[in-house]
């Protein structure tokens, strides 16, 4: 498999993971941390780090908004137990 195809598959899998997490708001971050060792906030930090490595200007709030599909404060108010 060439690098471009691998990158496209990885990106598609990541988008699918984000959509799944956004559709399953009943799954709390603490549950993800306990079961998988990472949560939505971890994904946000990894996304931000990747952006910084590429020289893309971004802050943590924007990275969380990308992962959560809405501003974190809104998600927290609607879904955090």
PDB file of N, CA and C in Angstrom:
ATOM      1  N   UNK A   1       0.852  -1.174   0.000  1.00  0.00           N
ATOM      2  CA  UNK A   1       0.000   0.000   0.000  1.00  0.00           C
ATOM      3  C   UNK A   1       0.896   1.235   0.000  1.00  0.00           C
ATOM      4  N   UNK A   2       0.557   2.197  -0.829  1.00  0.00           N
ATOM      5  CA  UNK A   2       1.357   3.415  -0.874  1.00  0.00           C
ATOM      6  C   UNK A   2       0.983   4.343   0.295  1.00  0.00           C
ATOM      7  N   UNK A   3       1.858   5.286   0.585  1.00  0.00           N
ATOM      8  CA  UNK A   3       1.697   6.184   1.736  1.00  0.00           C
ATOM      9  C   UNK A   3       0.420   7.013   1.642  1.00  0.00           C
ATOM     10  N   UNK A   4       0.089   7.508   0.472  1.00  0.00           N
ATOM     11  CA  UNK A   4      -1.111   8.326   0.288  1.00  0.00           C
ATOM     12  C   UNK A   4      -2.371   7.523   0.632  1.00  0.00           C
ATOM     13  N   UNK A   5      -2.447   6.304   0.147  1.00  0.00           N
ATOM     14  CA  UNK A   5      -3.609   5.461   0.439  1.00  0.00           C
ATOM     15  C   UNK A   5      -3.694   5.160   1.923  1.00  0.00           C
ATOM     16  N   UNK A   6      -2.564   4.858   2.545  1.00  0.00           N
ATOM     17  CA  UNK A   6      -2.553   4.588   3.983  1.00  0.00           C
ATOM     18  C   UNK A   6      -3.046   5.805   4.761  1.00  0.00           C
ATOM     19  N   UNK A   7      -2.567   6.989   4.393  1.00  0.00           N
ATOM     20  CA  UNK A   7      -2.995   8.224   5.056  1.00  0.00           C
ATOM     21  C   UNK A   7      -4.493   8.444   4.881  1.00  0.00           C
ATOM     22  N   UNK A   8      -5.003   8.189   3.705  1.00  0.00           N
ATOM     23  CA  UNK A   8      -6.437   8.355   3.450  1.00  0.00           C
ATOM     24  C   UNK A   8      -7.266   7.371   4.274  1.00  0.00           C
ATOM     25  N   UNK A   9      -6.801   6.144   4.397  1.00  0.00           N
ATOM     26  CA  UNK A   9      -7.513   5.153   5.209  1.00  0.00           C
ATOM     27  C   UNK A   9      -7.482   5.521   6.687  1.00  0.00           C
ATOM     28  N   UNK A  10      -6.328   5.981   7.158  1.00  0.00           N
ATOM     29  CA  UNK A  10      -6.214   6.407   8.555  1.00  0.00           C
ATOM     30  C   UNK A  10      -7.131   7.594   8.835  1.00  0.00           C
ATOM     31  N   UNK A  11      -7.171   8.536   7.916  1.00  0.00           N
ATOM     32  CA  UNK A  11      -8.042   9.708   8.079  1.00  0.00           C
ATOM     33  C   UNK A  11      -9.507   9.293   8.095  1.00  0.00           C
ATOM     34  N   UNK A  12      -9.880   8.369   7.224  1.00  0.00           N
ATOM     35  CA  UNK A  12     -11.266   7.896   7.176  1.00  0.00           C
ATOM     36  C   UNK A  12     -11.637   7.191   8.478  1.00  0.00           C
ATOM     37  N   UNK A  13     -10.724   6.381   9.000  1.00  0.00           N
ATOM     38  CA  UNK A  13     -10.985   5.679  10.266  1.00  0.00           C
ATOM     39  C   UNK A  13     -11.118   6.683  11.415  1.00  0.00           C
ATOM     40  N   UNK A  14     -10.290   7.720  11.420  1.00  0.00           N
ATOM     41  CA  UNK A  14     -10.362   8.742  12.459  1.00  0.00           C
ATOM     42  C   UNK A  14     -11.684   9.506  12.382  1.00  0.00           C
ATOM     43  N   UNK A  15     -12.088   9.868  11.164  1.00  0.00           N
ATOM     44  CA  UNK A  15     -13.383  10.547  11.008  1.00  0.00           C
ATOM     45  C   UNK A  15     -14.523   9.663  11.487  1.00  0.00           C
ATOM     46  N   UNK A  16     -14.437   8.383  11.214  1.00  0.00           N
ATOM     47  CA  UNK A  16     -15.465   7.441  11.658  1.00  0.00           C
ATOM     48  C   UNK A  16     -15.493   7.347  13.177  1.00  0.00           C
ATOM     49  N   UNK A  17     -14.319   7.310  13.809  1.00  0.00           N
ATOM     50  CA  UNK A  17     -14.231   7.294  15.266  1.00  0.00           C
ATOM     51  C   UNK A  17     -14.862   8.551  15.853  1.00  0.00           C
ATOM     52  N   UNK A  18     -14.537   9.713  15.298  1.00  0.00           N
ATOM     53  CA  UNK A  18     -15.120  10.959  15.801  1.00  0.00           C
ATOM     54  C   UNK A  18     -16.633  10.958  15.644  1.00  0.00           C
ATOM     55  N   UNK A  19     -17.130  10.526  14.496  1.00  0.00           N
ATOM     56  CA  UNK A  19     -18.582  10.477  14.275  1.00  0.00           C
ATOM     57  C   UNK A  19     -19.231   9.532  15.272  1.00  0.00           C
ATOM     58  N   UNK A  20     -18.599   8.414  15.538  1.00  0.00           N
ATOM     59  CA  UNK A  20     -19.137   7.452  16.493  1.00  0.00           C
ATOM     60  C   UNK A  20     -19.209   8.067  17.897  1.00  0.00           C
ATOM     61  N   UNK A  21     -18.150   8.740  18.303  1.00  0.00           N
ATOM     62  CA  UNK A  21     -18.148   9.374  19.625  1.00  0.00           C
ATOM     63  C   UNK A  21     -19.166  10.508  19.697  1.00  0.00           C
ATOM     64  N   UNK A  22     -19.322  11.258  18.604  1.00  0.00           N
ATOM     65  CA  UNK A  22     -20.300  12.345  18.588  1.00  0.00           C
ATOM     66  C   UNK A  22     -21.728  11.813  18.600  1.00  0.00           C
ATOM     67  N   UNK A  23     -21.946  10.644  18.014  1.00  0.00           N
ATOM     68  CA  UNK A  23     -23.277  10.035  18.006  1.00  0.00           C
ATOM     69  C   UNK A  23     -23.604   9.322  19.316  1.00  0.00           C
ATOM     70  N   UNK A  24     -22.587   8.966  20.076  1.00  0.00           N
ATOM     71  CA  UNK A  24     -22.785   8.215  21.317  1.00  0.00           C
ATOM     72  C   UNK A  24     -22.385   9.067  22.512  1.00  0.00           C
ATOM     73  N   UNK A  25     -23.139  10.129  22.705  1.00  0.00           N
ATOM     74  CA  UNK A  25     -22.824  11.077  23.771  1.00  0.00           C
ATOM     75  C   UNK A  25     -23.081  10.500  25.162  1.00  0.00           C
ATOM     76  N   UNK A  26     -23.779   9.368  25.225  1.00  0.00           N
ATOM     77  CA  UNK A  26     -23.996   8.732  26.517  1.00  0.00           C
ATOM     78  C   UNK A  26     -22.704   8.116  27.060  1.00  0.00           C
ATOM     79  N   UNK A  27     -21.740   7.876  26.187  1.00  0.00           N
ATOM     80  CA  UNK A  27     -20.444   7.362  26.625  1.00  0.00           C
ATOM     81  C   UNK A  27     -19.652   8.538  27.189  1.00  0.00           C
ATOM     82  N   UNK A  28     -19.399   8.481  28.482  1.00  0.00           N
ATOM     83  CA  UNK A  28     -18.709   9.557  29.162  1.00  0.00           C
ATOM     84  C   UNK A  28     -17.198   9.400  29.016  1.00  0.00           C
ATOM     85  N   UNK A  29     -16.487  10.512  29.100  1.00  0.00           N
ATOM     86  CA  UNK A  29     -15.034  10.486  28.983  1.00  0.00           C
ATOM     87  C   UNK A  29     -14.399   9.589  30.039  1.00  0.00           C
ATOM     88  N   UNK A  30     -14.927   9.606  31.247  1.00  0.00           N
ATOM     89  CA  UNK A  30     -14.357   8.774  32.313  1.00  0.00           C
ATOM     90  C   UNK A  30     -14.486   7.297  31.953  1.00  0.00           C
ATOM     91  N   UNK A  31     -15.594   6.937  31.301  1.00  0.00           N
ATOM     92  CA  UNK A  31     -15.770   5.552  30.860  1.00  0.00           C
ATOM     93  C   UNK A  31     -14.726   5.189  29.809  1.00  0.00           C
ATOM     94  N   UNK A  32     -14.501   6.100  28.868  1.00  0.00           N
ATOM     95  CA  UNK A  32     -13.480   5.867  27.843  1.00  0.00           C
ATOM     96  C   UNK A  32     -12.099   5.722  28.478  1.00  0.00           C
ATOM     97  N   UNK A  33     -11.789   6.587  29.433  1.00  0.00           N
ATOM     98  CA  UNK A  33     -10.479   6.533  30.087  1.00  0.00           C
ATOM     99  C   UNK A  33     -10.303   5.207  30.823  1.00  0.00           C
ATOM    100  N   UNK A  34     -11.334   4.784  31.539  1.00  0.00           N
ATOM    101  CA  UNK A  34     -11.237   3.539  32.297  1.00  0.00           C
ATOM    102  C   UNK A  34     -11.101   2.318  31.391  1.00  0.00           C
ATOM    103  N   UNK A  35     -11.803   2.321  30.276  1.00  0.00           N
ATOM    104  CA  UNK A  35     -11.798   1.153  29.392  1.00  0.00           C
ATOM    105  C   UNK A  35     -10.689   1.176  28.349  1.00  0.00           C
ATOM    106  N   UNK A  36     -10.425   2.349  27.790  1.00  0.00           N
ATOM    107  CA  UNK A  36      -9.514   2.419  26.650  1.00  0.00           C
ATOM    108  C   UNK A  36      -8.214   3.174  26.932  1.00  0.00           C
ATOM    109  N   UNK A  37      -8.176   3.920  28.012  1.00  0.00           N
ATOM    110  CA  UNK A  37      -6.971   4.667  28.331  1.00  0.00           C
ATOM    111  C   UNK A  37      -6.846   5.991  27.594  1.00  0.00           C
ATOM    112  N   UNK A  38      -7.913   6.408  26.918  1.00  0.00           N
ATOM    113  CA  UNK A  38      -7.946   7.716  26.267  1.00  0.00           C
ATOM    114  C   UNK A  38      -9.392   8.182  26.220  1.00  0.00           C
ATOM    115  N   UNK A  39      -9.581   9.477  25.985  1.00  0.00           N
ATOM    116  CA  UNK A  39     -10.934  10.027  25.904  1.00  0.00           C
ATOM    117  C   UNK A  39     -10.973  11.105  24.820  1.00  0.00           C
ATOM    118  N   UNK A  40     -12.087  11.784  24.727  1.00  0.00           N
ATOM    119  CA  UNK A  40     -12.241  12.844  23.730  1.00  0.00           C
ATOM    120  C   UNK A  40     -11.216  13.954  23.932  1.00  0.00           C
ATOM    121  N   UNK A  41     -10.913  14.259  25.193  1.00  0.00           N
ATOM    122  CA  UNK A  41      -9.925  15.301  25.471  1.00  0.00           C
ATOM    123  C   UNK A  41      -8.534  14.868  25.022  1.00  0.00           C
ATOM    124  N   UNK A  42      -8.215  13.593  25.178  1.00  0.00           N
ATOM    125  CA  UNK A  42      -6.937  13.081  24.676  1.00  0.00           C
ATOM    126  C   UNK A  42      -6.870  13.246  23.164  1.00  0.00           C
ATOM    127  N   UNK A  43      -7.929  12.869  22.472  1.00  0.00           N
ATOM    128  CA  UNK A  43      -7.965  13.028  21.018  1.00  0.00           C
ATOM    129  C   UNK A  43      -7.773  14.488  20.636  1.00  0.00           C
ATOM    130  N   UNK A  44      -8.390  15.383  21.394  1.00  0.00           N
ATOM    131  CA  UNK A  44      -8.243  16.816  21.127  1.00  0.00           C
ATOM    132  C   UNK A  44      -6.792  17.247  21.268  1.00  0.00           C
ATOM    133  N   UNK A  45      -6.138  16.775  22.310  1.00  0.00           N
ATOM    134  CA  UNK A  45      -4.732  17.130  22.535  1.00  0.00           C
ATOM    135  C   UNK A  45      -3.844  16.558  21.440  1.00  0.00           C
ATOM    136  N   UNK A  46      -4.123  15.340  20.998  1.00  0.00           N
ATOM    137  CA  UNK A  46      -3.337  14.730  19.923  1.00  0.00           C
ATOM    138  C   UNK A  46      -3.555  15.487  18.615  1.00  0.00           C
ATOM    139  N   UNK A  47      -4.789  15.900  18.363  1.00  0.00           N
ATOM    140  CA  UNK A  47      -5.106  16.666  17.154  1.00  0.00           C
ATOM    141  C   UNK A  47      -4.371  18.010  17.181  1.00  0.00           C
ATOM    142  N   UNK A  48      -4.400  18.671  18.329  1.00  0.00           N
ATOM    143  CA  UNK A  48      -3.703  19.940  18.489  1.00  0.00           C
ATOM    144  C   UNK A  48      -2.196  19.764  18.284  1.00  0.00           C
ATOM    145  N   UNK A  49      -1.624  18.728  18.856  1.00  0.00           N
ATOM    146  CA  UNK A  49      -0.190  18.474  18.701  1.00  0.00           C
ATOM    147  C   UNK A  49       0.167  18.244  17.235  1.00  0.00           C
ATOM    148  N   UNK A  50      -0.670  17.505  16.532  1.00  0.00           N
ATOM    149  CA  UNK A  50      -0.425  17.262  15.101  1.00  0.00           C
ATOM    150  C   UNK A  50      -0.497  18.565  14.318  1.00  0.00           C
ATOM    151  N   UNK A  51      -1.459  19.420  14.656  1.00  0.00           N
ATOM    152  CA  UNK A  51      -1.576  20.719  13.985  1.00  0.00           C
ATOM    153  C   UNK A  51      -0.332  21.561  14.236  1.00  0.00           C
ATOM    154  N   UNK A  52       0.119  21.579  15.472  1.00  0.00           N
ATOM    155  CA  UNK A  52       1.314  22.360  15.817  1.00  0.00           C
ATOM    156  C   UNK A  52       2.545  21.843  15.083  1.00  0.00           C
ATOM    157  N   UNK A  53       2.661  20.513  14.953  1.00  0.00           N
ATOM    158  CA  UNK A  53       3.794  19.935  14.222  1.00  0.00           C
ATOM    159  C   UNK A  53       3.807  20.375  12.762  1.00  0.00           C
ATOM    160  N   UNK A  54       2.626  20.609  12.202  1.00  0.00           N
ATOM    161  CA  UNK A  54       2.506  21.030  10.806  1.00  0.00           C
ATOM    162  C   UNK A  54       2.506  22.548  10.654  1.00  0.00           C
ATOM    163  N   UNK A  55       2.627  23.267  11.776  1.00  0.00           N
ATOM    164  CA  UNK A  55       2.644  24.718  11.719  1.00  0.00           C
ATOM    165  C   UNK A  55       1.268  25.341  11.539  1.00  0.00           C
ATOM    166  N   UNK A  56       0.225  24.553  11.815  1.00  0.00           N
ATOM    167  CA  UNK A  56      -1.150  25.048  11.710  1.00  0.00           C
ATOM    168  C   UNK A  56      -1.514  25.734  13.018  1.00  0.00           C
ATOM    169  N   UNK A  57      -1.977  26.962  12.915  1.00  0.00           N
ATOM    170  CA  UNK A  57      -2.349  27.713  14.105  1.00  0.00           C
ATOM    171  C   UNK A  57      -3.686  27.195  14.640  1.00  0.00           C
ATOM    172  N   UNK A  58      -3.676  26.773  15.896  1.00  0.00           N
ATOM    173  CA  UNK A  58      -4.873  26.224  16.512  1.00  0.00           C
ATOM    174  C   UNK A  58      -4.694  26.320  18.023  1.00  0.00           C
ATOM    175  N   UNK A  59      -5.801  26.409  18.739  1.00  0.00           N
ATOM    176  CA  UNK A  59      -5.728  26.348  20.190  1.00  0.00           C
ATOM    177  C   UNK A  59      -6.535  25.143  20.677  1.00  0.00           C
ATOM    178  N   UNK A  60      -6.405  24.860  21.952  1.00  0.00           N
ATOM    179  CA  UNK A  60      -7.045  23.679  22.539  1.00  0.00           C
ATOM    180  C   UNK A  60      -8.562  23.719  22.392  1.00  0.00           C
ATOM    181  N   UNK A  61      -9.151  24.896  22.550  1.00  0.00           N
ATOM    182  CA  UNK A  61     -10.606  25.007  22.412  1.00  0.00           C
ATOM    183  C   UNK A  61     -11.070  24.644  21.004  1.00  0.00           C
ATOM    184  N   UNK A  62     -10.344  25.079  19.996  1.00  0.00           N
ATOM    185  CA  UNK A  62     -10.698  24.741  18.606  1.00  0.00           C
ATOM    186  C   UNK A  62     -10.517  23.244  18.353  1.00  0.00           C
ATOM    187  N   UNK A  63      -9.461  22.677  18.912  1.00  0.00           N
ATOM    188  CA  UNK A  63      -9.243  21.237  18.756  1.00  0.00           C
ATOM    189  C   UNK A  63     -10.372  20.457  19.423  1.00  0.00           C
ATOM    190  N   UNK A  64     -10.788  20.868  20.609  1.00  0.00           N
ATOM    191  CA  UNK A  64     -11.899  20.183  21.279  1.00  0.00           C
ATOM    192  C   UNK A  64     -13.194  20.350  20.504  1.00  0.00           C
ATOM    193  N   UNK A  65     -13.424  21.514  19.937  1.00  0.00           N
ATOM    194  CA  UNK A  65     -14.632  21.725  19.147  1.00  0.00           C
ATOM    195  C   UNK A  65     -14.648  20.780  17.939  1.00  0.00           C
ATOM    196  N   UNK A  66     -13.495  20.554  17.343  1.00  0.00           N
ATOM    197  CA  UNK A  66     -13.402  19.620  16.222  1.00  0.00           C
ATOM    198  C   UNK A  66     -13.761  18.202  16.675  1.00  0.00           C
ATOM    199  N   UNK A  67     -13.220  17.770  17.794  1.00  0.00           N
ATOM    200  CA  UNK A  67     -13.454  16.409  18.280  1.00  0.00           C
ATOM    201  C   UNK A  67     -14.882  16.236  18.796  1.00  0.00           C
ATOM    202  N   UNK A  68     -15.368  17.192  19.554  1.00  0.00           N
ATOM    203  CA  UNK A  68     -16.707  17.075  20.153  1.00  0.00           C
ATOM    204  C   UNK A  68     -17.824  17.391  19.151  1.00  0.00           C
ATOM    205  N   UNK A  69     -17.498  18.090  18.084  1.00  0.00           N
ATOM    206  CA  UNK A  69     -18.519  18.459  17.102  1.00  0.00           C
ATOM    207  C   UNK A  69     -19.313  19.680  17.512  1.00  0.00           C
ATOM    208  N   UNK A  70     -18.882  20.346  18.545  1.00  0.00           N
ATOM    209  CA  UNK A  70     -19.519  21.564  19.069  1.00  0.00           C
ATOM    210  C   UNK A  70     -18.580  22.134  20.118  1.00  0.00           C
ATOM    211  N   UNK A  71     -18.805  23.373  20.541  1.00  0.00           N
ATOM    212  CA  UNK A  71     -17.975  23.912  21.624  1.00  0.00           C
ATOM    213  C   UNK A  71     -18.076  23.005  22.857  1.00  0.00           C
ATOM    214  N   UNK A  72     -16.941  22.814  23.522  1.00  0.00           N
ATOM    215  CA  UNK A  72     -16.894  21.919  24.675  1.00  0.00           C
ATOM    216  C   UNK A  72     -17.896  22.320  25.748  1.00  0.00           C
ATOM    217  N   UNK A  73     -18.042  23.612  25.997  1.00  0.00           N
ATOM    218  CA  UNK A  73     -18.979  24.067  27.033  1.00  0.00           C
ATOM    219  C   UNK A  73     -20.403  23.628  26.715  1.00  0.00           C
ATOM    220  N   UNK A  74     -20.758  23.651  25.441  1.00  0.00           N
ATOM    221  CA  UNK A  74     -22.091  23.209  25.018  1.00  0.00           C
ATOM    222  C   UNK A  74     -22.244  21.699  25.210  1.00  0.00           C
ATOM    223  N   UNK A  75     -21.243  20.933  24.807  1.00  0.00           N
ATOM    224  CA  UNK A  75     -21.294  19.483  24.970  1.00  0.00           C
ATOM    225  C   UNK A  75     -21.415  19.123  26.442  1.00  0.00           C
ATOM    226  N   UNK A  76     -20.602  19.790  27.255  1.00  0.00           N
ATOM    227  CA  UNK A  76     -20.586  19.521  28.701  1.00  0.00           C
ATOM    228  C   UNK A  76     -21.964  19.786  29.312  1.00  0.00           C
ATOM    229  N   UNK A  77     -22.581  20.888  28.916  1.00  0.00           N
ATOM    230  CA  UNK A  77     -23.903  21.243  29.448  1.00  0.00           C
ATOM    231  C   UNK A  77     -24.964  20.236  29.007  1.00  0.00           C
ATOM    232  N   UNK A  78     -24.884  19.777  27.769  1.00  0.00           N
ATOM    233  CA  UNK A  78     -25.898  18.865  27.231  1.00  0.00           C
ATOM    234  C   UNK A  78     -25.712  17.414  27.663  1.00  0.00           C
ATOM    235  N   UNK A  79     -24.471  16.957  27.739  1.00  0.00           N
ATOM    236  CA  UNK A  79     -24.249  15.520  27.825  1.00  0.00           C
ATOM    237  C   UNK A  79     -23.451  15.016  29.025  1.00  0.00           C
ATOM    238  N   UNK A  80     -22.652  15.867  29.663  1.00  0.00           N
ATOM    239  CA  UNK A  80     -21.828  15.361  30.760  1.00  0.00           C
ATOM    240  C   UNK A  80     -22.688  15.097  31.974  1.00  0.00           C
ATOM    241  N   UNK A  81     -22.529  13.920  32.533  1.00  0.00           N
ATOM    242  CA  UNK A  81     -23.315  13.528  33.722  1.00  0.00           C
ATOM    243  C   UNK A  81     -22.624  13.941  34.984  1.00  0.00           C
TER     244      UNK A  81
END
